[in-house]
């Protein structure tokens, strides 16, 4: 029997594990466990890897987005958020004192378009959060930025999925006032737990450093100038991220090789529609997204992939739109048909940074067989 193909896999080669372990021993011996030299080195390396002037390491991707929105100043105002994103995108808006306004998306990119954004703007819109779902930067991003500039609105990138992704040679983080990255274990680059704020603004970067450390004006002073919180990154997490970041290029290369094989094989299966990569886009393939036919039972598709072929599919991105989440009900609003449709009928095929050819074969065998069985072929 074939081995199970997991939905995700965290990849730390033995040499990297040894380097992290040795560094952690040194950190523990030093007693400098937070906001130390590894944090600064990780920030510099992450900024350089994304051609950004400034990076600020924080405790999570949610904290990164919250801090960016606080630094911009959204309290008491509206923030447009696509409906098909993770809960944390809206939670960060609320925690920063804003009101989320949910927008529909372009089904071809799972992202905001100029028309869906225009339909969601209000007289009191302070910011727009564009989300690079699955690592794909939509080619509409420049139109979104232009519209925001015309209206005096801040554009913020939720780049939680988009480490190393580019559009026309520009990295995620280059399009808005600030960008928030997640370093959660499943991400292409991880520090275990953590996040990163990227920005071209020295002033915003300095504000982010204040907010992440309880709003203190200086690290060693009991002098609080902002309503910050404990959003620091530990040195142990920072060295883990620093070591893992070195693998980003090779990880993306392998993920794109896997995606190319999926693209070629799925082209012959009627009714299955992979999320296409538009011209100029280079995704990191954090997720490989496939739309199922409208009449195909997603739960049955996933269960048969697992039970018959030992292929586990990851969680969707995302299966319940934000305007239908119970905790966000008061911000609901009208139906958003494109977001609701893509949320209801997509799956994410396994992609690992060290995925083997035999695992790819197993996934494709499973998809072909289950698709055929469920579509009556």
Protein backbone atom coordinates (compact mmCIF):
# COMPACT_ATOMS: atom_id res chain seq x y z
CA UNK A 1 0.00 0.00 0.00
CA UNK A 2 1.24 3.49 -0.82
CA UNK A 3 2.25 5.87 1.93
CA UNK A 4 -0.06 8.72 2.88
CA UNK A 5 0.47 12.05 1.16
CA UNK A 6 -0.17 14.66 3.86
CA UNK A 7 -1.91 17.95 3.15
CA UNK A 8 1.16 19.89 4.28
CA UNK A 9 4.69 19.19 5.50
CA UNK A 10 7.13 21.39 7.39
CA UNK A 11 10.60 21.01 5.83
CA UNK A 12 13.76 21.51 7.90
CA UNK A 13 16.73 19.52 6.56
CA UNK A 14 19.00 17.96 9.19
CA UNK A 15 21.75 20.57 8.71
CA UNK A 16 19.24 23.37 9.32
CA UNK A 17 17.87 21.66 12.44
CA UNK A 18 21.40 21.35 13.81
CA UNK A 19 22.15 25.02 13.08
CA UNK A 20 18.95 26.17 14.79
CA UNK A 21 19.58 23.93 17.80
CA UNK A 22 23.12 25.26 18.24
CA UNK A 23 21.93 28.84 17.95
CA UNK A 24 19.12 28.30 20.46
CA UNK A 25 21.62 26.87 22.94
CA UNK A 26 23.68 30.03 22.54
CA UNK A 27 20.60 32.24 22.93
CA UNK A 28 19.59 30.48 26.15
CA UNK A 29 23.13 30.81 27.46
CA UNK A 30 23.17 34.53 26.67
CA UNK A 31 19.91 35.31 28.45
CA UNK A 32 18.95 37.70 25.61
CA UNK A 33 15.76 35.97 24.53
CA UNK A 34 13.86 38.72 22.70
CA UNK A 35 14.55 41.73 20.45
CA UNK A 36 18.17 40.75 20.09
CA UNK A 37 20.69 40.22 17.29
CA UNK A 38 18.91 37.30 15.61
CA UNK A 39 15.73 39.35 15.34
CA UNK A 40 17.65 42.15 13.65
CA UNK A 41 19.41 39.73 11.31
CA UNK A 42 16.14 38.06 10.38
CA UNK A 43 14.52 41.43 9.69
CA UNK A 44 17.41 42.48 7.45
CA UNK A 45 17.40 39.18 5.56
CA UNK A 46 13.62 39.14 5.09
CA UNK A 47 13.64 42.74 3.83
CA UNK A 48 16.48 41.96 1.41
CA UNK A 49 14.75 38.82 0.13
CA UNK A 50 11.73 40.97 -0.80
CA UNK A 51 13.65 44.07 -1.97
CA UNK A 52 12.05 46.14 0.79
CA UNK A 53 13.73 48.89 2.80
CA UNK A 54 12.22 47.93 6.16
CA UNK A 55 11.06 44.77 7.94
CA UNK A 56 9.78 44.51 11.51
CA UNK A 57 9.51 41.08 13.13
CA UNK A 58 6.44 40.47 15.29
CA UNK A 59 4.62 37.65 17.06
CA UNK A 60 2.24 36.58 14.27
CA UNK A 61 0.84 37.50 10.88
CA UNK A 62 -2.31 38.74 12.61
CA UNK A 63 -0.21 41.03 14.80
CA UNK A 64 1.62 42.28 11.70
CA UNK A 65 -1.64 43.30 10.03
CA UNK A 66 -3.06 44.78 13.24
CA UNK A 67 0.09 46.86 13.76
CA UNK A 68 0.14 48.08 10.14
CA UNK A 69 -3.47 49.21 10.39
CA UNK A 70 -2.88 50.95 13.73
CA UNK A 71 0.15 52.74 12.32
CA UNK A 72 -1.90 53.94 9.34
CA UNK A 73 -4.73 55.08 11.60
CA UNK A 74 -8.06 53.38 10.91
CA UNK A 75 -9.77 53.74 14.29
CA UNK A 76 -13.48 54.46 13.90
CA UNK A 77 -13.36 54.12 10.11
CA UNK A 78 -14.11 51.53 7.42
CA UNK A 79 -11.63 49.05 5.97
CA UNK A 80 -12.50 47.04 2.84
CA UNK A 81 -11.60 43.35 3.11
CA UNK A 82 -12.25 40.58 0.54
CA UNK A 83 -14.85 38.12 1.78
CA UNK A 84 -12.84 34.99 0.95
CA UNK A 85 -9.95 35.39 3.35
CA UNK A 86 -9.03 34.06 6.77
CA UNK A 87 -10.84 35.31 9.86
CA UNK A 88 -7.66 37.06 11.06
CA UNK A 89 -7.82 39.62 8.24
CA UNK A 90 -11.10 40.96 9.59
CA UNK A 91 -10.10 40.40 13.22
CA UNK A 92 -7.05 42.63 12.74
CA UNK A 93 -9.29 45.41 11.43
CA UNK A 94 -11.55 45.14 14.48
CA UNK A 95 -8.67 44.90 16.93
CA UNK A 96 -7.13 48.02 15.39
CA UNK A 97 -10.41 49.87 15.94
CA UNK A 98 -11.82 49.80 12.41
CA UNK A 99 -15.00 48.43 10.82
CA UNK A 100 -14.62 45.69 8.18
CA UNK A 101 -16.57 46.12 4.96
CA UNK A 102 -16.66 42.87 2.98
CA UNK A 103 -16.15 42.94 -0.78
CA UNK A 104 -16.70 40.43 -3.55
CA UNK A 105 -13.78 39.12 -5.61
CA UNK A 106 -12.78 38.14 -9.13
CA UNK A 107 -13.27 34.37 -9.40
CA UNK A 108 -10.27 34.15 -11.77
CA UNK A 109 -7.83 35.37 -9.11
CA UNK A 110 -9.67 34.92 -5.77
CA UNK A 111 -8.76 38.59 -5.18
CA UNK A 112 -10.30 42.05 -5.23
CA UNK A 113 -10.77 43.68 -8.61
CA UNK A 114 -11.18 47.37 -9.30
CA UNK A 115 -14.92 46.93 -9.85
CA UNK A 116 -15.52 44.89 -6.67
CA UNK A 117 -13.46 47.39 -4.66
CA UNK A 118 -15.31 50.40 -6.08
CA UNK A 119 -18.62 48.76 -5.15
CA UNK A 120 -17.48 48.43 -1.54
CA UNK A 121 -15.96 51.85 -0.85
CA UNK A 122 -17.79 54.10 1.57
CA UNK A 123 -17.40 57.82 2.34
CA UNK A 124 -15.47 56.76 5.46
CA UNK A 125 -13.08 54.20 3.97
CA UNK A 126 -9.63 54.57 5.54
CA UNK A 127 -7.90 51.52 4.06
CA UNK A 128 -8.20 48.54 1.74
CA UNK A 129 -6.64 45.16 2.46
CA UNK A 130 -5.67 43.21 -0.65
CA UNK A 131 -5.04 39.52 0.05
CA UNK A 132 -2.64 37.43 -2.05
CA UNK A 133 -4.61 34.19 -1.70
CA UNK A 134 -2.53 31.04 -2.13
CA UNK A 135 0.53 33.14 -2.98
CA UNK A 136 -0.90 34.67 -6.17
CA UNK A 137 -0.57 38.44 -6.57
CA UNK A 138 -3.47 39.52 -8.75
CA UNK A 139 -2.57 41.55 -11.86
CA UNK A 140 -5.29 43.98 -10.70
CA UNK A 141 -3.04 45.10 -7.85
CA UNK A 142 -1.79 48.20 -9.70
CA UNK A 143 -5.38 49.22 -10.53
CA UNK A 144 -6.27 48.81 -6.86
CA UNK A 145 -3.33 50.95 -5.81
CA UNK A 146 -4.21 53.61 -8.37
CA UNK A 147 -7.81 53.73 -7.17
CA UNK A 148 -6.70 54.01 -3.55
CA UNK A 149 -4.30 56.82 -4.38
CA UNK A 150 -7.08 58.66 -6.25
CA UNK A 151 -9.33 58.45 -3.17
CA UNK A 152 -6.68 59.11 -0.52
CA UNK A 153 -7.06 55.59 0.90
CA UNK A 154 -4.24 53.43 2.26
CA UNK A 155 -3.63 50.10 0.53
CA UNK A 156 -2.36 47.33 2.81
CA UNK A 157 -1.23 43.88 1.66
CA UNK A 158 -2.20 40.75 3.54
CA UNK A 159 0.76 38.77 2.23
CA UNK A 160 0.41 35.95 4.75
CA UNK A 161 0.62 33.41 1.89
CA UNK A 162 2.97 35.25 -0.44
CA UNK A 163 6.62 34.87 0.65
CA UNK A 164 8.74 35.38 -2.44
CA UNK A 165 5.78 35.82 -4.82
CA UNK A 166 6.09 38.47 -7.52
CA UNK A 167 4.09 40.39 -10.09
CA UNK A 168 6.06 41.87 -12.98
CA UNK A 169 9.24 41.35 -11.00
CA UNK A 170 7.99 43.18 -7.89
CA UNK A 171 7.76 41.21 -4.68
CA UNK A 172 4.76 40.96 -2.41
CA UNK A 173 5.13 43.89 -0.07
CA UNK A 174 5.93 46.38 -2.83
CA UNK A 175 2.37 47.49 -3.62
CA UNK A 176 0.88 49.01 -0.46
CA UNK A 177 1.77 51.29 2.43
CA UNK A 178 2.65 48.15 4.38
CA UNK A 179 2.42 44.38 4.05
CA UNK A 180 1.81 41.71 6.67
CA UNK A 181 3.43 38.26 6.34
CA UNK A 182 2.69 35.18 8.44
CA UNK A 183 5.46 32.84 9.58
CA UNK A 184 3.11 30.10 10.82
CA UNK A 185 4.41 26.48 10.47
CA UNK A 186 2.57 25.70 7.21
CA UNK A 187 3.91 28.75 5.36
CA UNK A 188 6.65 28.56 2.71
CA UNK A 189 8.95 30.26 5.25
CA UNK A 190 8.30 29.68 8.94
CA UNK A 191 9.74 30.72 12.26
CA UNK A 192 7.35 28.42 14.15
CA UNK A 193 5.16 31.31 15.19
CA UNK A 194 5.69 34.85 14.00
CA UNK A 195 4.99 37.53 11.45
CA UNK A 196 6.70 40.34 9.58
CA UNK A 197 5.70 43.88 8.63
CA UNK A 198 7.28 45.13 5.39
CA UNK A 199 7.13 48.79 4.40
CA UNK A 200 9.00 51.39 2.37
CA UNK A 201 8.18 54.00 5.04
CA UNK A 202 10.78 54.53 7.74
CA UNK A 203 8.16 56.30 9.86
CA UNK A 204 5.72 53.39 9.64
CA UNK A 205 8.50 50.90 10.45
CA UNK A 206 9.38 52.88 13.56
CA UNK A 207 5.72 52.98 14.60
CA UNK A 208 5.57 49.19 14.15
CA UNK A 209 8.57 48.74 16.47
CA UNK A 210 6.82 50.85 19.10
CA UNK A 211 3.51 48.99 18.81
CA UNK A 212 5.11 45.52 19.01
CA UNK A 213 6.75 46.30 22.37
CA UNK A 214 3.76 47.37 24.46
CA UNK A 215 3.75 50.80 22.82
CA UNK A 216 6.97 51.81 24.56
CA UNK A 217 8.98 54.71 23.24
CA UNK A 218 12.20 52.83 24.06
CA UNK A 219 12.95 49.17 24.84
CA UNK A 220 14.33 49.75 28.36
CA UNK A 221 11.96 52.57 29.37
CA UNK A 222 8.63 52.46 31.19
CA UNK A 223 7.37 55.16 28.82
CA UNK A 224 4.34 54.16 26.75
CA UNK A 225 3.31 56.33 23.82
CA UNK A 226 0.97 53.99 21.85
CA UNK A 227 -1.67 51.39 22.69
CA UNK A 228 0.60 48.53 21.76
CA UNK A 229 0.79 44.99 23.06
CA UNK A 230 3.18 42.06 23.57
CA UNK A 231 3.79 41.46 19.88
CA UNK A 232 7.53 40.77 20.05
CA UNK A 233 9.28 37.89 18.28
CA UNK A 234 11.58 35.78 20.46
CA UNK A 235 15.19 35.20 19.48
CA UNK A 236 14.48 31.45 19.23
CA UNK A 237 11.78 32.09 16.66
CA UNK A 238 13.94 34.63 14.84
CA UNK A 239 16.87 32.25 14.29
CA UNK A 240 14.46 29.55 13.12
CA UNK A 241 13.05 31.95 10.53
CA UNK A 242 16.48 33.21 9.54
CA UNK A 243 17.70 29.70 8.76
CA UNK A 244 14.47 28.70 6.98
CA UNK A 245 14.44 31.86 4.85
CA UNK A 246 17.63 30.74 3.11
CA UNK A 247 15.63 27.90 1.57
CA UNK A 248 12.89 30.14 0.15
CA UNK A 249 14.19 30.14 -3.42
CA UNK A 250 14.67 26.37 -3.67
CA UNK A 251 11.35 25.74 -1.93
CA UNK A 252 9.49 27.93 -4.43
CA UNK A 253 11.29 26.29 -7.35
CA UNK A 254 10.15 22.84 -6.22
CA UNK A 255 6.61 23.98 -5.52
CA UNK A 256 6.40 25.46 -9.00
CA UNK A 257 7.68 22.22 -10.52
CA UNK A 258 4.90 20.35 -8.72
CA UNK A 259 2.33 22.89 -9.90
CA UNK A 260 3.52 22.55 -13.51
CA UNK A 261 2.94 18.80 -13.38
CA UNK A 262 -0.51 19.34 -11.88
CA UNK A 263 -1.35 21.91 -14.56
CA UNK A 264 -0.41 19.54 -17.37
CA UNK A 265 -2.29 16.55 -15.96
CA UNK A 266 -5.46 18.38 -14.93
CA UNK A 267 -5.83 20.03 -18.34
CA UNK A 268 -7.31 16.76 -19.58
CA UNK A 269 -9.97 16.47 -16.88
CA UNK A 270 -13.23 18.16 -17.87
CA UNK A 271 -14.81 20.29 -15.20
CA UNK A 272 -11.75 20.71 -12.99
CA UNK A 273 -10.41 24.25 -13.17
CA UNK A 274 -7.05 25.05 -11.56
CA UNK A 275 -6.53 28.66 -10.54
CA UNK A 276 -4.50 29.94 -13.48
CA UNK A 277 -1.39 32.07 -13.08
CA UNK A 278 -1.92 35.24 -15.17
CA UNK A 279 0.84 36.75 -17.27
CA UNK A 280 3.40 38.60 -15.19
CA UNK A 281 2.57 36.66 -12.03
CA UNK A 282 4.98 34.28 -10.33
CA UNK A 283 3.29 32.61 -7.39
CA UNK A 284 5.16 30.77 -4.65
CA UNK A 285 2.41 28.09 -4.91
CA UNK A 286 1.66 28.20 -1.21
CA UNK A 287 -1.61 26.58 -2.24
CA UNK A 288 -2.57 24.78 -5.44
CA UNK A 289 -6.22 25.71 -5.86
CA UNK A 290 -8.69 23.78 -8.06
CA UNK A 291 -12.35 24.63 -8.66
CA UNK A 292 -14.59 21.56 -8.76
CA UNK A 293 -17.63 21.35 -11.06
CA UNK A 294 -20.67 23.03 -9.49
CA UNK A 295 -22.50 19.73 -8.99
CA UNK A 296 -19.58 17.83 -7.42
CA UNK A 297 -19.73 17.11 -3.66
CA UNK A 298 -16.53 18.55 -2.18
CA UNK A 299 -16.76 16.62 1.08
CA UNK A 300 -17.15 13.36 -0.84
CA UNK A 301 -14.28 14.28 -3.18
CA UNK A 302 -11.98 14.90 -0.20
CA UNK A 303 -13.05 11.81 1.71
CA UNK A 304 -12.53 9.54 -1.30
CA UNK A 305 -9.10 11.04 -1.95
CA UNK A 306 -8.15 10.21 1.64
CA UNK A 307 -9.87 6.86 2.13
CA UNK A 308 -9.18 5.25 -1.24
CA UNK A 309 -5.86 6.81 -2.21
CA UNK A 310 -4.35 8.11 1.06
CA UNK A 311 -4.13 11.68 -0.20
CA UNK A 312 -5.06 14.31 2.37
CA UNK A 313 -6.32 17.67 1.16
CA UNK A 314 -5.67 20.79 3.22
CA UNK A 315 -8.21 23.25 4.42
CA UNK A 316 -9.70 25.58 1.86
CA UNK A 317 -8.88 29.27 1.30
CA UNK A 318 -11.52 29.62 2.58
CA UNK A 319 -14.67 27.50 2.81
CA UNK A 320 -16.91 30.05 4.58
CA UNK A 321 -16.77 33.71 3.49
CA UNK A 322 -16.26 36.29 6.20
CA UNK A 323 -19.67 37.87 5.74
CA UNK A 324 -21.17 34.49 6.70
CA UNK A 325 -18.98 33.89 9.77
CA UNK A 326 -21.11 33.94 12.95
CA UNK A 327 -18.68 36.12 14.90
CA UNK A 328 -18.79 38.75 12.13
CA UNK A 329 -22.56 38.66 11.57
CA UNK A 330 -23.14 42.30 12.47
CA UNK A 331 -20.85 43.31 9.57
CA UNK A 332 -22.57 40.90 7.12
CA UNK A 333 -24.19 42.78 4.28
CA UNK A 334 -25.54 41.66 0.91
CA UNK A 335 -24.71 38.43 -0.95
CA UNK A 336 -21.28 38.34 -2.60
CA UNK A 337 -21.83 35.76 -5.34
CA UNK A 338 -18.31 35.23 -6.67
CA UNK A 339 -16.75 34.87 -3.22
CA UNK A 340 -19.54 32.54 -2.13
CA UNK A 341 -19.15 30.40 -5.25
CA UNK A 342 -15.38 29.96 -5.08
CA UNK A 343 -15.52 29.36 -1.34
CA UNK A 344 -18.07 26.58 -1.82
CA UNK A 345 -16.41 24.53 -4.55
CA UNK A 346 -12.63 24.68 -4.47
CA UNK A 347 -10.06 22.28 -3.05
CA UNK A 348 -6.32 22.62 -2.43
CA UNK A 349 -4.11 19.79 -3.65
CA UNK A 350 -1.02 18.90 -1.58
CA UNK A 351 2.13 20.87 -2.35
CA UNK A 352 5.25 20.42 -0.22
CA UNK A 353 8.58 22.17 -0.50
CA UNK A 354 10.27 18.76 -0.79
CA UNK A 355 7.49 16.87 -2.56
CA UNK A 356 8.67 13.74 -4.34
CA UNK A 357 7.73 12.73 -7.87
CA UNK A 358 6.07 9.60 -6.50
CA UNK A 359 3.88 11.73 -4.24
CA UNK A 360 2.87 13.88 -7.21
CA UNK A 361 2.03 10.69 -9.14
CA UNK A 362 -0.09 9.46 -6.25
CA UNK A 363 -2.03 12.72 -6.05
CA UNK A 364 -2.68 12.76 -9.80
CA UNK A 365 -3.79 9.12 -9.81
CA UNK A 366 -6.20 9.91 -7.00
CA UNK A 367 -7.60 13.07 -8.60
CA UNK A 368 -8.14 11.34 -11.94
CA UNK A 369 -9.89 8.35 -10.38
CA UNK A 370 -12.08 10.29 -7.94
CA UNK A 371 -13.03 12.87 -10.56
CA UNK A 372 -14.00 10.07 -12.94
CA UNK A 373 -16.03 8.25 -10.32
CA UNK A 374 -17.93 11.32 -9.13
CA UNK A 375 -18.61 12.62 -12.63
CA UNK A 376 -19.88 9.24 -13.87
CA UNK A 377 -17.04 8.60 -16.30
